[in-house]
């Protein structure tokens, strides 16, 4: 992969959001990634609708997240934490995590991940 030499500015109206198959009420927009010439990381914006939840899963890559709006629960390993706007998270590769928005307002967060392949594995609820 060649290194990008031209800066990129993408306007909010240019970002396409799509539903995430494994989680009803979760939508993802890719803000910047390797298709824009970013050589190392992708930044994505997720929205979590009121009442939505994301099942327990693991990823092969680390996640760095920043909560933009709302308040929701993030499960990390054996713990649940309530997060809200301004909070930051680091989720190491392989850590079981999940999300639940029990409130009546949408939650939104930025998620930075390394470029490249990432295998997502759902974890049985009983695990």
C-alpha atoms as a PDB file:
ATOM      1  CA  UNK A   1       0.000   0.000   0.000  1.00  0.00           C
ATOM      2  CA  UNK A   2       1.500   3.331  -0.998  1.00  0.00           C
ATOM      3  CA  UNK A   3       1.486   6.214   1.425  1.00  0.00           C
ATOM      4  CA  UNK A   4      -1.016   9.014   0.836  1.00  0.00           C
ATOM      5  CA  UNK A   5       0.574  12.331  -0.059  1.00  0.00           C
ATOM      6  CA  UNK A   6      -2.614  14.338  -0.542  1.00  0.00           C
ATOM      7  CA  UNK A   7      -4.718  15.440   2.423  1.00  0.00           C
ATOM      8  CA  UNK A   8      -8.413  14.538   2.314  1.00  0.00           C
ATOM      9  CA  UNK A   9     -11.412  16.440   3.637  1.00  0.00           C
ATOM     10  CA  UNK A  10     -14.723  14.603   3.610  1.00  0.00           C
ATOM     11  CA  UNK A  11     -17.881  16.543   4.354  1.00  0.00           C
ATOM     12  CA  UNK A  12     -20.558  15.114   6.658  1.00  0.00           C
ATOM     13  CA  UNK A  13     -22.982  14.913   3.725  1.00  0.00           C
ATOM     14  CA  UNK A  14     -20.535  12.610   1.907  1.00  0.00           C
ATOM     15  CA  UNK A  15     -20.602   9.924   4.602  1.00  0.00           C
ATOM     16  CA  UNK A  16     -22.937   7.029   3.883  1.00  0.00           C
ATOM     17  CA  UNK A  17     -24.395   5.184   6.872  1.00  0.00           C
ATOM     18  CA  UNK A  18     -25.484   1.555   6.722  1.00  0.00           C
ATOM     19  CA  UNK A  19     -27.132  -0.810   9.164  1.00  0.00           C
ATOM     20  CA  UNK A  20     -24.865  -3.364  10.824  1.00  0.00           C
ATOM     21  CA  UNK A  21     -26.211  -6.875  10.179  1.00  0.00           C
ATOM     22  CA  UNK A  22     -25.527  -8.378  13.601  1.00  0.00           C
ATOM     23  CA  UNK A  23     -27.209  -5.597  15.582  1.00  0.00           C
ATOM     24  CA  UNK A  24     -30.586  -4.045  14.860  1.00  0.00           C
ATOM     25  CA  UNK A  25     -30.462  -0.318  15.596  1.00  0.00           C
ATOM     26  CA  UNK A  26     -26.704   0.032  15.019  1.00  0.00           C
ATOM     27  CA  UNK A  27     -25.552   2.070  12.018  1.00  0.00           C
ATOM     28  CA  UNK A  28     -22.003   2.676  10.767  1.00  0.00           C
ATOM     29  CA  UNK A  29     -20.439   5.377   8.633  1.00  0.00           C
ATOM     30  CA  UNK A  30     -16.802   5.161   7.546  1.00  0.00           C
ATOM     31  CA  UNK A  31     -15.284   8.616   7.972  1.00  0.00           C
ATOM     32  CA  UNK A  32     -11.742   7.873   6.782  1.00  0.00           C
ATOM     33  CA  UNK A  33      -9.971   4.642   5.844  1.00  0.00           C
ATOM     34  CA  UNK A  34      -7.484   3.158   3.399  1.00  0.00           C
ATOM     35  CA  UNK A  35      -9.742   4.024   0.431  1.00  0.00           C
ATOM     36  CA  UNK A  36      -9.056   7.667   1.306  1.00  0.00           C
ATOM     37  CA  UNK A  37      -5.315   6.981   1.419  1.00  0.00           C
ATOM     38  CA  UNK A  38      -5.032   6.691   5.213  1.00  0.00           C
ATOM     39  CA  UNK A  39      -2.183   4.192   5.586  1.00  0.00           C
ATOM     40  CA  UNK A  40      -2.683   2.965   9.146  1.00  0.00           C
ATOM     41  CA  UNK A  41      -6.094   3.595  10.720  1.00  0.00           C
ATOM     42  CA  UNK A  42      -9.779   3.864   9.926  1.00  0.00           C
ATOM     43  CA  UNK A  43     -12.164   6.142  11.783  1.00  0.00           C
ATOM     44  CA  UNK A  44     -15.801   5.132  11.833  1.00  0.00           C
ATOM     45  CA  UNK A  45     -18.890   6.750  13.391  1.00  0.00           C
ATOM     46  CA  UNK A  46     -21.547   4.511  14.893  1.00  0.00           C
ATOM     47  CA  UNK A  47     -25.046   5.393  16.061  1.00  0.00           C
ATOM     48  CA  UNK A  48     -26.954   3.234  18.550  1.00  0.00           C
ATOM     49  CA  UNK A  49     -30.725   3.794  18.473  1.00  0.00           C
ATOM     50  CA  UNK A  50     -32.784   3.926  21.676  1.00  0.00           C
ATOM     51  CA  UNK A  51     -33.538   0.362  22.793  1.00  0.00           C
ATOM     52  CA  UNK A  52     -30.852  -1.118  20.524  1.00  0.00           C
ATOM     53  CA  UNK A  53     -28.231  -3.601  21.622  1.00  0.00           C
ATOM     54  CA  UNK A  54     -25.165  -5.178  20.078  1.00  0.00           C
ATOM     55  CA  UNK A  55     -24.539  -8.832  20.992  1.00  0.00           C
ATOM     56  CA  UNK A  56     -21.429 -10.046  22.799  1.00  0.00           C
ATOM     57  CA  UNK A  57     -18.576 -10.369  20.354  1.00  0.00           C
ATOM     58  CA  UNK A  58     -14.826 -10.186  19.910  1.00  0.00           C
ATOM     59  CA  UNK A  59     -12.684  -8.556  17.242  1.00  0.00           C
ATOM     60  CA  UNK A  60      -9.208  -9.492  16.061  1.00  0.00           C
ATOM     61  CA  UNK A  61      -8.141  -5.850  16.202  1.00  0.00           C
ATOM     62  CA  UNK A  62      -8.073  -3.245  18.963  1.00  0.00           C
ATOM     63  CA  UNK A  63     -10.674  -0.453  19.161  1.00  0.00           C
ATOM     64  CA  UNK A  64     -10.254   3.078  20.437  1.00  0.00           C
ATOM     65  CA  UNK A  65     -13.606   4.802  20.938  1.00  0.00           C
ATOM     66  CA  UNK A  66     -14.858   8.265  21.839  1.00  0.00           C
ATOM     67  CA  UNK A  67     -18.484   8.796  22.886  1.00  0.00           C
ATOM     68  CA  UNK A  68     -20.011  11.711  20.989  1.00  0.00           C
ATOM     69  CA  UNK A  69     -23.545  11.781  22.357  1.00  0.00           C
ATOM     70  CA  UNK A  70     -26.086   9.936  24.462  1.00  0.00           C
ATOM     71  CA  UNK A  71     -25.580   7.522  27.327  1.00  0.00           C
ATOM     72  CA  UNK A  72     -25.430   3.745  26.982  1.00  0.00           C
ATOM     73  CA  UNK A  73     -23.957   0.623  28.552  1.00  0.00           C
ATOM     74  CA  UNK A  74     -20.762  -0.977  27.281  1.00  0.00           C
ATOM     75  CA  UNK A  75     -19.927  -4.477  28.436  1.00  0.00           C
ATOM     76  CA  UNK A  76     -16.203  -5.155  28.662  1.00  0.00           C
ATOM     77  CA  UNK A  77     -15.229  -8.662  29.690  1.00  0.00           C
ATOM     78  CA  UNK A  78     -17.103  -9.307  32.943  1.00  0.00           C
ATOM     79  CA  UNK A  79     -17.969  -5.647  33.640  1.00  0.00           C
ATOM     80  CA  UNK A  80     -20.645  -3.249  32.451  1.00  0.00           C
ATOM     81  CA  UNK A  81     -19.924   0.477  32.334  1.00  0.00           C
ATOM     82  CA  UNK A  82     -22.260   3.370  31.616  1.00  0.00           C
ATOM     83  CA  UNK A  83     -20.617   5.768  29.173  1.00  0.00           C
ATOM     84  CA  UNK A  84     -21.676   9.200  27.984  1.00  0.00           C
ATOM     85  CA  UNK A  85     -20.476  12.058  25.779  1.00  0.00           C
ATOM     86  CA  UNK A  86     -16.797  12.820  26.309  1.00  0.00           C
ATOM     87  CA  UNK A  87     -15.843   9.356  27.582  1.00  0.00           C
ATOM     88  CA  UNK A  88     -13.102   7.340  25.853  1.00  0.00           C
ATOM     89  CA  UNK A  89     -12.592   3.587  25.660  1.00  0.00           C
ATOM     90  CA  UNK A  90      -9.808   1.210  24.720  1.00  0.00           C
ATOM     91  CA  UNK A  91     -10.962  -2.302  23.828  1.00  0.00           C
ATOM     92  CA  UNK A  92      -8.004  -4.641  23.287  1.00  0.00           C
ATOM     93  CA  UNK A  93      -8.157  -7.239  20.510  1.00  0.00           C
ATOM     94  CA  UNK A  94      -9.945 -10.395  21.628  1.00  0.00           C
ATOM     95  CA  UNK A  95     -11.850  -8.824  24.563  1.00  0.00           C
ATOM     96  CA  UNK A  96     -15.544  -9.752  24.689  1.00  0.00           C
ATOM     97  CA  UNK A  97     -17.659  -6.595  24.463  1.00  0.00           C
ATOM     98  CA  UNK A  98     -21.247  -5.509  23.781  1.00  0.00           C
ATOM     99  CA  UNK A  99     -23.458  -2.430  23.838  1.00  0.00           C
ATOM    100  CA  UNK A 100     -26.957  -1.654  25.116  1.00  0.00           C
ATOM    101  CA  UNK A 101     -28.850   1.628  24.790  1.00  0.00           C
ATOM    102  CA  UNK A 102     -31.630   1.471  27.389  1.00  0.00           C
ATOM    103  CA  UNK A 103     -32.326   5.198  27.150  1.00  0.00           C
ATOM    104  CA  UNK A 104     -34.644   7.163  24.931  1.00  0.00           C
ATOM    105  CA  UNK A 105     -31.924   9.121  23.102  1.00  0.00           C
ATOM    106  CA  UNK A 106     -29.585   7.943  20.364  1.00  0.00           C
ATOM    107  CA  UNK A 107     -25.996   7.191  21.311  1.00  0.00           C
ATOM    108  CA  UNK A 108     -23.100   7.910  18.964  1.00  0.00           C
ATOM    109  CA  UNK A 109     -19.390   7.175  19.085  1.00  0.00           C
ATOM    110  CA  UNK A 110     -16.251   7.343  17.011  1.00  0.00           C
ATOM    111  CA  UNK A 111     -14.242   4.149  16.635  1.00  0.00           C
ATOM    112  CA  UNK A 112     -10.649   4.023  15.395  1.00  0.00           C
ATOM    113  CA  UNK A 113      -9.236   0.682  14.250  1.00  0.00           C
ATOM    114  CA  UNK A 114      -6.133  -0.429  12.361  1.00  0.00           C
ATOM    115  CA  UNK A 115      -6.647  -0.859   8.620  1.00  0.00           C
ATOM    116  CA  UNK A 116      -6.794  -4.397   7.311  1.00  0.00           C
ATOM    117  CA  UNK A 117      -8.822  -7.475   8.008  1.00  0.00           C
ATOM    118  CA  UNK A 118     -10.830  -7.889  11.205  1.00  0.00           C
ATOM    119  CA  UNK A 119     -12.691 -11.062  12.076  1.00  0.00           C
ATOM    120  CA  UNK A 120     -15.733 -10.511  14.295  1.00  0.00           C
ATOM    121  CA  UNK A 121     -16.865 -13.492  16.312  1.00  0.00           C
ATOM    122  CA  UNK A 122     -20.210 -13.559  18.123  1.00  0.00           C
ATOM    123  CA  UNK A 123     -20.075 -14.999  21.619  1.00  0.00           C
ATOM    124  CA  UNK A 124     -22.889 -17.117  23.062  1.00  0.00           C
ATOM    125  CA  UNK A 125     -24.926 -15.205  25.625  1.00  0.00           C
ATOM    126  CA  UNK A 126     -24.271 -17.981  28.175  1.00  0.00           C
ATOM    127  CA  UNK A 127     -20.471 -17.645  27.909  1.00  0.00           C
END
